[in-house]
């Protein structure tokens, strides 16, 4: 039995919550996943998982084994990194996490270009707006749009996310337009949880300015607010990359063009500065150049 592979399969079972989920994630048969688990439990001479028809849970031995598995898999990855440092070619797999809006508007094309340049690489993208524990989820890099990074996080700023205030023609026809930032307080403003639900901050003709907003809808997904804005449910702040094409097509109207919403930083976050691989470093540098060249970022 390949014990490193068996530990990797065991870790994936726990991560996905089922044998079938692990099989899909690893692209192997469920029977093979079950065999790896059975062989690992036989070698450990103890049960690692409580299995019922509805759920899996770790035994006490399973919890200890999972902790050791994470350590050993990390060591194996470090050895692979040492090996790859002596190669002039970038190769291997990167696991990334980023928001769906950033993935659709920027990351898909950037990753495609990167793989064209380095055909021995592959990229696995986990799309989520929620912070992810990089070590527990075995993520190499996280791309986050924020002005409030967690303390002591290892990150590199690669760009900024600018926004525009917008609404649909139907909403403006029914409710009218705000004449200045302060008049936003009298409109239905759809708020993004990670930007600020209570106040929107702008740089305007007379300097910095903020307004306390309220509305009937908020979400942690900018895609939800964008869809609601297009359907005429209110005014929202939208990333330039998402809004500009819709403004050009007439689906949205940009408002308050003399006031610029406070931009958010775009950061690449990684677990450990000392253990960064040539592949990770090459991808970070490539992504920074692509973002700098983009008119939207």
Protein backbone atom coordinates (compact mmCIF):
# COMPACT_ATOMS: atom_id res chain seq x y z
CA UNK A 1 0.00 0.00 0.00
CA UNK A 2 1.22 3.51 -0.87
CA UNK A 3 0.70 5.03 2.58
CA UNK A 4 1.15 8.64 1.47
CA UNK A 5 -1.55 8.15 -1.18
CA UNK A 6 -3.77 6.39 1.35
CA UNK A 7 -3.37 9.29 3.79
CA UNK A 8 -4.16 11.73 0.99
CA UNK A 9 -7.32 9.79 0.14
CA UNK A 10 -8.29 9.66 3.84
CA UNK A 11 -7.77 13.43 4.17
CA UNK A 12 -9.91 14.04 1.07
CA UNK A 13 -12.72 11.82 2.43
CA UNK A 14 -12.84 13.96 5.57
CA UNK A 15 -12.62 17.19 3.56
CA UNK A 16 -15.47 16.18 1.22
CA UNK A 17 -17.58 14.47 3.87
CA UNK A 18 -18.13 11.23 1.95
CA UNK A 19 -16.39 8.47 -0.01
CA UNK A 20 -18.25 9.38 -3.18
CA UNK A 21 -17.30 13.05 -2.76
CA UNK A 22 -13.64 12.06 -2.39
CA UNK A 23 -13.90 9.85 -5.48
CA UNK A 24 -15.26 12.77 -7.53
CA UNK A 25 -12.60 15.13 -6.17
CA UNK A 26 -9.73 12.70 -6.87
CA UNK A 27 -11.26 11.45 -10.14
CA UNK A 28 -11.03 7.80 -9.11
CA UNK A 29 -13.69 5.16 -8.45
CA UNK A 30 -15.56 4.98 -5.17
CA UNK A 31 -14.39 1.38 -4.84
CA UNK A 32 -10.77 2.50 -5.01
CA UNK A 33 -11.38 5.14 -2.34
CA UNK A 34 -13.01 2.50 -0.13
CA UNK A 35 -10.06 0.15 -0.69
CA UNK A 36 -7.51 2.80 0.30
CA UNK A 37 -9.46 3.55 3.47
CA UNK A 38 -9.82 -0.14 4.35
CA UNK A 39 -6.09 -0.76 3.82
CA UNK A 40 -5.18 2.27 5.93
CA UNK A 41 -7.47 1.13 8.76
CA UNK A 42 -6.04 -2.39 8.52
CA UNK A 43 -2.50 -1.03 8.73
CA UNK A 44 -3.46 1.22 11.68
CA UNK A 45 -5.33 -1.74 13.23
CA UNK A 46 -8.21 0.55 14.22
CA UNK A 47 -11.24 2.23 12.76
CA UNK A 48 -10.66 5.81 11.64
CA UNK A 49 -14.21 6.78 10.66
CA UNK A 50 -17.66 6.13 12.05
CA UNK A 51 -19.79 5.40 8.99
CA UNK A 52 -23.59 5.57 8.81
CA UNK A 53 -25.92 5.84 5.84
CA UNK A 54 -26.14 9.61 6.32
CA UNK A 55 -22.77 10.86 7.52
CA UNK A 56 -19.16 10.20 8.38
CA UNK A 57 -17.41 11.25 11.57
CA UNK A 58 -13.87 10.81 12.84
CA UNK A 59 -13.03 8.42 15.63
CA UNK A 60 -10.48 9.60 18.21
CA UNK A 61 -7.82 7.61 16.34
CA UNK A 62 -9.06 9.16 13.12
CA UNK A 63 -8.58 12.67 14.50
CA UNK A 64 -4.99 11.88 15.49
CA UNK A 65 -4.33 10.24 12.13
CA UNK A 66 -5.76 13.22 10.25
CA UNK A 67 -3.41 15.60 12.07
CA UNK A 68 -0.43 13.41 11.21
CA UNK A 69 -1.68 13.05 7.62
CA UNK A 70 -1.71 16.84 7.20
CA UNK A 71 1.87 17.02 8.50
CA UNK A 72 3.14 14.19 6.28
CA UNK A 73 1.36 15.50 3.20
CA UNK A 74 2.86 18.91 3.86
CA UNK A 75 6.32 17.35 4.13
CA UNK A 76 5.76 15.45 0.89
CA UNK A 77 4.74 18.68 -0.82
CA UNK A 78 7.86 20.40 0.55
CA UNK A 79 10.06 17.64 -0.89
CA UNK A 80 8.33 18.06 -4.24
CA UNK A 81 8.97 21.79 -4.03
CA UNK A 82 12.68 21.20 -3.41
CA UNK A 83 12.79 18.93 -6.44
CA UNK A 84 10.96 21.41 -8.64
CA UNK A 85 13.27 24.28 -7.64
CA UNK A 86 16.01 22.68 -9.71
CA UNK A 87 13.87 22.68 -12.83
CA UNK A 88 13.80 25.66 -15.19
CA UNK A 89 10.30 24.71 -16.37
CA UNK A 90 7.22 25.57 -14.35
CA UNK A 91 5.12 22.47 -13.85
CA UNK A 92 2.65 20.95 -11.43
CA UNK A 93 -0.77 21.83 -10.08
CA UNK A 94 -1.84 25.00 -8.31
CA UNK A 95 -4.91 25.13 -6.07
CA UNK A 96 -6.45 28.61 -5.90
CA UNK A 97 -9.43 30.18 -4.20
CA UNK A 98 -11.12 33.37 -5.42
CA UNK A 99 -14.57 34.93 -5.63
CA UNK A 100 -16.84 33.92 -8.50
CA UNK A 101 -16.98 37.48 -9.84
CA UNK A 102 -13.17 37.78 -9.96
CA UNK A 103 -12.89 34.31 -11.46
CA UNK A 104 -15.34 35.10 -14.26
CA UNK A 105 -14.15 38.62 -15.04
CA UNK A 106 -10.39 38.12 -14.81
CA UNK A 107 -9.01 34.84 -13.52
CA UNK A 108 -10.30 32.45 -16.20
CA UNK A 109 -8.55 34.31 -19.02
CA UNK A 110 -5.40 34.90 -16.96
CA UNK A 111 -5.14 31.23 -15.98
CA UNK A 112 -5.71 30.22 -19.60
CA UNK A 113 -2.81 32.41 -20.75
CA UNK A 114 -0.57 31.06 -17.99
CA UNK A 115 -1.24 27.45 -18.97
CA UNK A 116 -0.56 28.26 -22.63
CA UNK A 117 2.87 29.55 -21.61
CA UNK A 118 3.54 26.70 -19.18
CA UNK A 119 1.69 23.66 -20.61
CA UNK A 120 2.94 21.33 -17.87
CA UNK A 121 0.89 23.21 -15.28
CA UNK A 122 -2.74 22.89 -14.23
CA UNK A 123 -4.93 25.01 -11.97
CA UNK A 124 -7.76 23.98 -9.65
CA UNK A 125 -9.97 26.98 -8.74
CA UNK A 126 -12.24 26.95 -5.69
CA UNK A 127 -14.77 29.78 -6.06
CA UNK A 128 -16.03 31.26 -2.80
CA UNK A 129 -16.41 34.68 -1.18
CA UNK A 130 -15.73 33.24 2.27
CA UNK A 131 -12.21 33.16 3.79
CA UNK A 132 -10.61 29.72 3.45
CA UNK A 133 -8.03 28.14 5.77
CA UNK A 134 -5.24 27.53 3.27
CA UNK A 135 -3.48 24.79 5.23
CA UNK A 136 -6.58 22.79 6.17
CA UNK A 137 -8.02 23.04 2.65
CA UNK A 138 -4.61 22.46 1.00
CA UNK A 139 -4.92 25.69 -0.99
CA UNK A 140 -1.73 27.18 -2.45
CA UNK A 141 -2.94 30.73 -3.06
CA UNK A 142 -6.02 32.78 -2.18
CA UNK A 143 -6.99 35.90 -4.12
CA UNK A 144 -8.92 38.28 -1.90
CA UNK A 145 -10.57 41.64 -2.59
CA UNK A 146 -10.58 43.59 0.65
CA UNK A 147 -9.22 46.52 2.62
CA UNK A 148 -9.18 44.48 5.84
CA UNK A 149 -6.76 41.57 5.63
CA UNK A 150 -6.47 39.40 8.72
CA UNK A 151 -3.54 40.25 11.04
CA UNK A 152 -0.19 38.57 10.29
CA UNK A 153 -1.38 37.22 6.93
CA UNK A 154 1.28 36.75 4.23
CA UNK A 155 0.06 38.60 1.15
CA UNK A 156 1.10 40.60 -1.92
CA UNK A 157 -1.04 43.40 -3.33
CA UNK A 158 -1.39 42.95 -7.09
CA UNK A 159 -4.06 45.49 -7.98
CA UNK A 160 -7.21 47.26 -6.89
CA UNK A 161 -10.90 46.73 -7.48
CA UNK A 162 -12.66 49.95 -8.49
CA UNK A 163 -16.43 50.23 -8.35
CA UNK A 164 -19.23 52.28 -9.86
CA UNK A 165 -22.68 53.24 -8.60
CA UNK A 166 -25.32 51.92 -10.98
CA UNK A 167 -28.98 51.15 -11.47
CA UNK A 168 -31.22 49.84 -14.22
CA UNK A 169 -33.11 52.18 -16.60
CA UNK A 170 -36.37 50.77 -15.18
CA UNK A 171 -35.43 51.69 -11.60
CA UNK A 172 -34.39 55.21 -12.59
CA UNK A 173 -37.63 55.68 -14.55
CA UNK A 174 -39.65 54.76 -11.44
CA UNK A 175 -37.51 56.35 -8.69
CA UNK A 176 -35.36 58.98 -10.36
CA UNK A 177 -31.61 59.57 -9.98
CA UNK A 178 -29.60 60.60 -6.92
CA UNK A 179 -28.18 64.09 -7.52
CA UNK A 180 -25.25 63.66 -5.13
CA UNK A 181 -23.76 61.15 -2.70
CA UNK A 182 -25.86 62.29 0.26
CA UNK A 183 -29.11 61.74 -1.66
CA UNK A 184 -28.30 58.02 -1.81
CA UNK A 185 -29.73 57.88 1.72
CA UNK A 186 -33.22 58.28 0.18
CA UNK A 187 -32.86 55.41 -2.30
CA UNK A 188 -33.02 51.63 -1.96
CA UNK A 189 -29.31 50.68 -1.86
CA UNK A 190 -28.38 47.03 -2.28
CA UNK A 191 -25.41 46.39 -0.03
CA UNK A 192 -22.45 44.03 -0.31
CA UNK A 193 -21.48 42.47 3.01
CA UNK A 194 -17.72 42.69 2.39
CA UNK A 195 -17.77 46.34 1.28
CA UNK A 196 -19.78 47.89 4.08
CA UNK A 197 -23.50 47.68 4.79
CA UNK A 198 -23.80 50.87 6.84
CA UNK A 199 -21.90 53.44 4.78
CA UNK A 200 -20.44 53.93 1.33
CA UNK A 201 -17.26 56.01 1.07
CA UNK A 202 -16.36 58.19 -1.92
CA UNK A 203 -13.71 60.56 -3.15
CA UNK A 204 -15.63 63.45 -4.68
CA UNK A 205 -15.17 66.99 -6.01
CA UNK A 206 -14.77 68.32 -2.46
CA UNK A 207 -12.70 65.45 -1.09
CA UNK A 208 -13.64 62.30 0.88
CA UNK A 209 -17.32 61.85 1.61
CA UNK A 210 -19.43 59.08 3.09
CA UNK A 211 -23.14 58.36 3.27
CA UNK A 212 -25.11 56.00 5.49
CA UNK A 213 -27.21 53.83 3.19
CA UNK A 214 -30.10 51.44 3.73
CA UNK A 215 -32.02 49.03 1.59
CA UNK A 216 -34.20 45.96 1.38
CA UNK A 217 -31.53 43.53 0.20
CA UNK A 218 -27.94 42.64 1.07
CA UNK A 219 -25.73 39.71 0.11
CA UNK A 220 -22.20 38.37 0.45
CA UNK A 221 -22.18 37.69 -3.31
CA UNK A 222 -21.76 40.56 -5.73
CA UNK A 223 -23.37 38.42 -8.45
CA UNK A 224 -26.64 38.37 -6.46
CA UNK A 225 -26.63 42.16 -6.11
CA UNK A 226 -25.76 42.61 -9.79
CA UNK A 227 -28.71 40.45 -10.85
CA UNK A 228 -31.01 42.36 -8.49
CA UNK A 229 -29.77 45.68 -9.87
CA UNK A 230 -30.36 44.61 -13.47
CA UNK A 231 -33.90 43.55 -12.52
CA UNK A 232 -34.61 47.03 -11.15
CA UNK A 233 -34.66 46.34 -7.40
CA UNK A 234 -32.33 49.15 -6.39
CA UNK A 235 -28.98 50.92 -6.66
CA UNK A 236 -25.72 49.08 -6.01
CA UNK A 237 -21.97 49.41 -6.05
CA UNK A 238 -20.52 47.06 -8.66
CA UNK A 239 -16.96 46.24 -9.69
CA UNK A 240 -15.95 48.11 -12.83
CA UNK A 241 -15.11 44.82 -14.57
CA UNK A 242 -18.68 43.56 -14.08
CA UNK A 243 -20.57 46.83 -14.58
CA UNK A 244 -18.88 48.51 -17.56
CA UNK A 245 -20.00 45.96 -20.21
CA UNK A 246 -23.58 46.22 -18.91
CA UNK A 247 -23.42 50.02 -18.96
CA UNK A 248 -22.16 49.85 -22.56
CA UNK A 249 -25.06 47.56 -23.52
CA UNK A 250 -27.65 49.79 -21.85
CA UNK A 251 -28.67 47.28 -19.18
CA UNK A 252 -27.29 49.53 -16.44
CA UNK A 253 -26.76 53.27 -16.05
CA UNK A 254 -23.71 54.60 -14.20
CA UNK A 255 -24.62 57.20 -11.57
CA UNK A 256 -22.74 59.89 -9.67
CA UNK A 257 -19.79 59.85 -12.04
CA UNK A 258 -18.14 62.81 -10.26
CA UNK A 259 -17.75 60.69 -7.12
CA UNK A 260 -15.43 57.65 -7.11
CA UNK A 261 -16.20 54.88 -4.59
CA UNK A 262 -13.33 53.89 -2.34
CA UNK A 263 -11.40 51.11 -4.11
CA UNK A 264 -10.60 47.74 -2.56
CA UNK A 265 -7.20 46.10 -2.69
CA UNK A 266 -6.64 42.85 -4.60
CA UNK A 267 -4.25 40.58 -2.72
CA UNK A 268 -2.69 37.16 -3.25
CA UNK A 269 -2.48 35.40 0.10
CA UNK A 270 -0.28 32.38 0.79
CA UNK A 271 0.46 30.30 3.85
CA UNK A 272 4.23 30.66 4.26
CA UNK A 273 6.63 33.09 2.63
CA UNK A 274 9.59 30.74 3.16
CA UNK A 275 8.00 27.70 1.49
CA UNK A 276 6.68 29.36 -1.65
CA UNK A 277 7.43 27.25 -4.73
CA UNK A 278 8.78 28.38 -8.11
CA UNK A 279 5.36 27.59 -9.61
CA UNK A 280 3.58 29.76 -7.03
CA UNK A 281 6.10 32.59 -7.45
CA UNK A 282 5.85 32.43 -11.23
CA UNK A 283 2.05 32.51 -11.09
CA UNK A 284 1.98 35.43 -8.64
CA UNK A 285 4.32 37.48 -10.83
CA UNK A 286 2.34 36.60 -13.96
CA UNK A 287 -0.98 37.52 -12.35
CA UNK A 288 0.37 40.85 -11.10
CA UNK A 289 1.47 41.76 -14.65
CA UNK A 290 -1.88 40.71 -16.14
CA UNK A 291 -3.82 42.75 -13.60
CA UNK A 292 -1.61 45.80 -14.14
CA UNK A 293 -2.26 45.58 -17.90
CA UNK A 294 -6.05 45.31 -17.46
CA UNK A 295 -8.09 48.53 -17.83
CA UNK A 296 -10.54 47.27 -15.19
CA UNK A 297 -8.08 46.60 -12.35
